[in-house]
Structures are given as structure tokens and as C-alpha cells.
Amino acid sequence: MMMQGLIWNCRGLKKKGLATYLKNRILQYSFHFIGIQETMIHDCDEKLLKKFDSNQDYLCLYNSAHGKSGGILCGVRKDLFYVGSFQQGEFMLQMNLWDKIKKVKGIF
């Protein structure tokens, strides 16, 4: 099985229509992981996540934006990966993963 992921510089996660677009892409492609940068959000709450991950298939982590720029959101499918640990820096997120199917460790 080949990994499918989405890495995107969205330039604002709360822009009109973006959540619907993202939700449709996630449903269409069933990405194994998503990485979104330049979210420009300070608080990523459950309500915002449900707009594009309505089934709550992903375990997501985020870094807040600094001013009107920055912000990172990353997520992995819960049915495919177990997140053993994660590291969070000012401008980075790292998830240490266990692939439930291939039975191997990985980093995202």
C-alpha cells in the first residue's frame, strides 16, 4: 500500500470555503496524513477540526500562529497509526508513529 498524504500551505485555515474544500479532498482521497502550514490560527478547537474532519478520523496536533502568520496543523489517521510520542517546537511538529499495518516505526 502506497502512502497518500496532503502537505499544503493554505494561507489561512479559516478562509471562507477552505474547510469545505479540505473536507472534500480528505473524503475523496482518504489521506494517511495531512500537514497544513500557514494556518494563521491561534486556537485550533474541536469545532474547527470537525469542519474538515467530520468523522474524526485523524489525530491532530497544532502549533499556534505568531501574529498574522505561521501556524502548523498535522494529523494522521487513527486507524492506521498509533502516535507514541510527539515533539513540539516553535516552528515544528514531529509525531513518532507506529504503523499498525506494516508494524514499523516512522516519523512525521
C-alpha atoms as a PDB file:
ATOM      1  CA  MET A   1       0.000   0.000   0.000  1.00  0.00           C
ATOM      2  CA  MET A   2       1.394   3.376  -1.008  1.00  0.00           C
ATOM      3  CA  MET A   3       1.168   6.245   1.480  1.00  0.00           C
ATOM      4  CA  GLN A   4      -1.044   9.160   0.495  1.00  0.00           C
ATOM      5  CA  GLY A   5      -0.649  12.496   2.173  1.00  0.00           C
ATOM      6  CA  LEU A   6      -1.525  16.129   1.853  1.00  0.00           C
ATOM      7  CA  ILE A   7       1.063  18.826   2.562  1.00  0.00           C
ATOM      8  CA  TRP A   8      -0.342  22.286   1.943  1.00  0.00           C
ATOM      9  CA  ASN A   9       0.466  25.939   2.581  1.00  0.00           C
ATOM     10  CA  CYS A  10      -3.143  27.070   2.964  1.00  0.00           C
ATOM     11  CA  ARG A  11      -2.507  30.739   3.917  1.00  0.00           C
ATOM     12  CA  GLY A  12      -5.364  30.805   6.437  1.00  0.00           C
ATOM     13  CA  LEU A  13      -7.388  27.826   7.640  1.00  0.00           C
ATOM     14  CA  LYS A  14     -10.441  29.930   8.468  1.00  0.00           C
ATOM     15  CA  LYS A  15     -10.832  31.417   4.974  1.00  0.00           C
ATOM     16  CA  LYS A  16     -14.324  31.132   3.550  1.00  0.00           C
ATOM     17  CA  GLY A  17     -14.840  27.839   1.715  1.00  0.00           C
ATOM     18  CA  LEU A  18     -11.498  26.361   2.695  1.00  0.00           C
ATOM     19  CA  ALA A  19     -12.866  23.914   5.293  1.00  0.00           C
ATOM     20  CA  THR A  20     -15.374  22.546   2.777  1.00  0.00           C
ATOM     21  CA  TYR A  21     -12.671  22.207   0.114  1.00  0.00           C
ATOM     22  CA  LEU A  22     -10.369  20.431   2.569  1.00  0.00           C
ATOM     23  CA  LYS A  23     -13.151  18.150   3.799  1.00  0.00           C
ATOM     24  CA  ASN A  24     -13.990  17.133   0.217  1.00  0.00           C
ATOM     25  CA  ARG A  25     -10.327  16.354  -0.582  1.00  0.00           C
ATOM     26  CA  ILE A  26      -9.956  14.287   2.596  1.00  0.00           C
ATOM     27  CA  LEU A  27     -13.105  12.294   1.814  1.00  0.00           C
ATOM     28  CA  GLN A  28     -12.080  11.838  -1.826  1.00  0.00           C
ATOM     29  CA  TYR A  29      -8.504  10.667  -1.231  1.00  0.00           C
ATOM     30  CA  SER A  30      -8.584   9.218   2.321  1.00  0.00           C
ATOM     31  CA  PHE A  31      -5.140  10.671   3.057  1.00  0.00           C
ATOM     32  CA  HIS A  32      -2.992   8.740   5.521  1.00  0.00           C
ATOM     33  CA  PHE A  33      -1.619  12.011   6.872  1.00  0.00           C
ATOM     34  CA  ILE A  34      -2.204  15.729   6.477  1.00  0.00           C
ATOM     35  CA  GLY A  35       0.176  18.601   7.084  1.00  0.00           C
ATOM     36  CA  ILE A  36      -1.074  22.154   6.802  1.00  0.00           C
ATOM     37  CA  GLN A  37       1.145  25.166   7.273  1.00  0.00           C
ATOM     38  CA  GLU A  38       0.418  28.888   7.478  1.00  0.00           C
ATOM     39  CA  THR A  39      -2.909  28.150   9.185  1.00  0.00           C
ATOM     40  CA  MET A  40      -2.902  31.660  10.692  1.00  0.00           C
ATOM     41  CA  ILE A  41      -4.910  30.401  13.683  1.00  0.00           C
ATOM     42  CA  HIS A  42      -4.123  30.807  17.354  1.00  0.00           C
ATOM     43  CA  ASP A  43      -6.559  28.262  18.787  1.00  0.00           C
ATOM     44  CA  CYS A  44      -7.470  25.057  16.985  1.00  0.00           C
ATOM     45  CA  ASP A  45     -10.551  23.761  18.761  1.00  0.00           C
ATOM     46  CA  GLU A  46     -12.781  20.743  18.203  1.00  0.00           C
ATOM     47  CA  LYS A  47     -15.331  22.831  16.286  1.00  0.00           C
ATOM     48  CA  LEU A  48     -12.760  23.880  13.690  1.00  0.00           C
ATOM     49  CA  LEU A  49     -11.397  20.342  13.281  1.00  0.00           C
ATOM     50  CA  LYS A  50     -14.897  18.925  12.734  1.00  0.00           C
ATOM     51  CA  LYS A  51     -15.393  21.279   9.785  1.00  0.00           C
ATOM     52  CA  PHE A  52     -12.949  19.288   7.675  1.00  0.00           C
ATOM     53  CA  ASP A  53     -12.618  16.046   9.688  1.00  0.00           C
ATOM     54  CA  SER A  54     -16.272  15.458  10.486  1.00  0.00           C
ATOM     55  CA  ASN A  55     -15.765  11.731  11.146  1.00  0.00           C
ATOM     56  CA  GLN A  56     -12.841  12.474  13.485  1.00  0.00           C
ATOM     57  CA  ASP A  57     -10.629  10.011  11.611  1.00  0.00           C
ATOM     58  CA  TYR A  58      -7.422  11.950  12.365  1.00  0.00           C
ATOM     59  CA  LEU A  59      -5.373  12.573  15.453  1.00  0.00           C
ATOM     60  CA  CYS A  60      -4.297  16.195  15.043  1.00  0.00           C
ATOM     61  CA  LEU A  61      -1.676  18.428  16.654  1.00  0.00           C
ATOM     62  CA  TYR A  62      -1.144  22.098  16.011  1.00  0.00           C
ATOM     63  CA  ASN A  63       1.197  24.988  16.663  1.00  0.00           C
ATOM     64  CA  SER A  64      -0.335  28.423  17.049  1.00  0.00           C
ATOM     65  CA  ALA A  65       0.353  31.208  14.597  1.00  0.00           C
ATOM     66  CA  HIS A  66       2.571  34.116  15.603  1.00  0.00           C
ATOM     67  CA  GLY A  67       0.749  37.324  14.785  1.00  0.00           C
ATOM     68  CA  LYS A  68      -0.868  37.103  11.367  1.00  0.00           C
ATOM     69  CA  SER A  69       1.388  34.391  10.005  1.00  0.00           C
ATOM     70  CA  GLY A  70       2.532  30.891  10.793  1.00  0.00           C
ATOM     71  CA  GLY A  71       0.711  28.034  12.401  1.00  0.00           C
ATOM     72  CA  ILE A  72       1.014  24.326  11.670  1.00  0.00           C
ATOM     73  CA  LEU A  73      -1.579  21.570  11.810  1.00  0.00           C
ATOM     74  CA  CYS A  74      -0.709  17.945  11.250  1.00  0.00           C
ATOM     75  CA  GLY A  75      -2.768  14.817  11.558  1.00  0.00           C
ATOM     76  CA  VAL A  76      -2.553  11.089  10.994  1.00  0.00           C
ATOM     77  CA  ARG A  77      -5.322   8.553  10.544  1.00  0.00           C
ATOM     78  CA  LYS A  78      -6.126   6.867  13.842  1.00  0.00           C
ATOM     79  CA  ASP A  79      -6.995   3.564  12.182  1.00  0.00           C
ATOM     80  CA  LEU A  80      -3.555   3.344  10.525  1.00  0.00           C
ATOM     81  CA  PHE A  81      -1.161   4.862  13.058  1.00  0.00           C
ATOM     82  CA  TYR A  82      -0.505   4.958  16.738  1.00  0.00           C
ATOM     83  CA  VAL A  83       1.294   8.102  17.922  1.00  0.00           C
ATOM     84  CA  GLY A  84       3.817   7.001  20.522  1.00  0.00           C
ATOM     85  CA  SER A  85       5.131  10.475  21.278  1.00  0.00           C
ATOM     86  CA  PHE A  86       5.496  13.873  19.722  1.00  0.00           C
ATOM     87  CA  GLN A  87       7.805  16.833  19.901  1.00  0.00           C
ATOM     88  CA  GLN A  88       6.699  20.383  19.503  1.00  0.00           C
ATOM     89  CA  GLY A  89       8.987  23.320  18.749  1.00  0.00           C
ATOM     90  CA  GLU A  90       8.242  26.920  17.956  1.00  0.00           C
ATOM     91  CA  PHE A  91       8.122  26.232  14.205  1.00  0.00           C
ATOM     92  CA  MET A  92       7.818  22.435  14.000  1.00  0.00           C
ATOM     93  CA  LEU A  93       5.774  19.420  14.981  1.00  0.00           C
ATOM     94  CA  GLN A  94       7.051  15.850  14.965  1.00  0.00           C
ATOM     95  CA  MET A  95       4.999  12.705  15.517  1.00  0.00           C
ATOM     96  CA  ASN A  96       6.728   9.416  16.310  1.00  0.00           C
ATOM     97  CA  LEU A  97       4.457   6.819  14.741  1.00  0.00           C
ATOM     98  CA  TRP A  98       3.808   3.106  14.782  1.00  0.00           C
ATOM     99  CA  ASP A  99       2.267   1.838  11.533  1.00  0.00           C
ATOM    100  CA  LYS A 100      -0.434  -0.603  12.642  1.00  0.00           C
ATOM    101  CA  ILE A 101      -0.466  -2.481   9.325  1.00  0.00           C
ATOM    102  CA  LYS A 102       3.219  -2.675   8.371  1.00  0.00           C
ATOM    103  CA  LYS A 103       4.317  -2.979  12.019  1.00  0.00           C
ATOM    104  CA  VAL A 104       7.132  -0.437  11.629  1.00  0.00           C
ATOM    105  CA  LYS A 105       8.108   2.833  13.291  1.00  0.00           C
ATOM    106  CA  GLY A 106       8.119   6.114  11.434  1.00  0.00           C
ATOM    107  CA  ILE A 107       8.338   9.849  11.956  1.00  0.00           C
ATOM    108  CA  PHE A 108       6.081  12.544  10.531  1.00  0.00           C
END
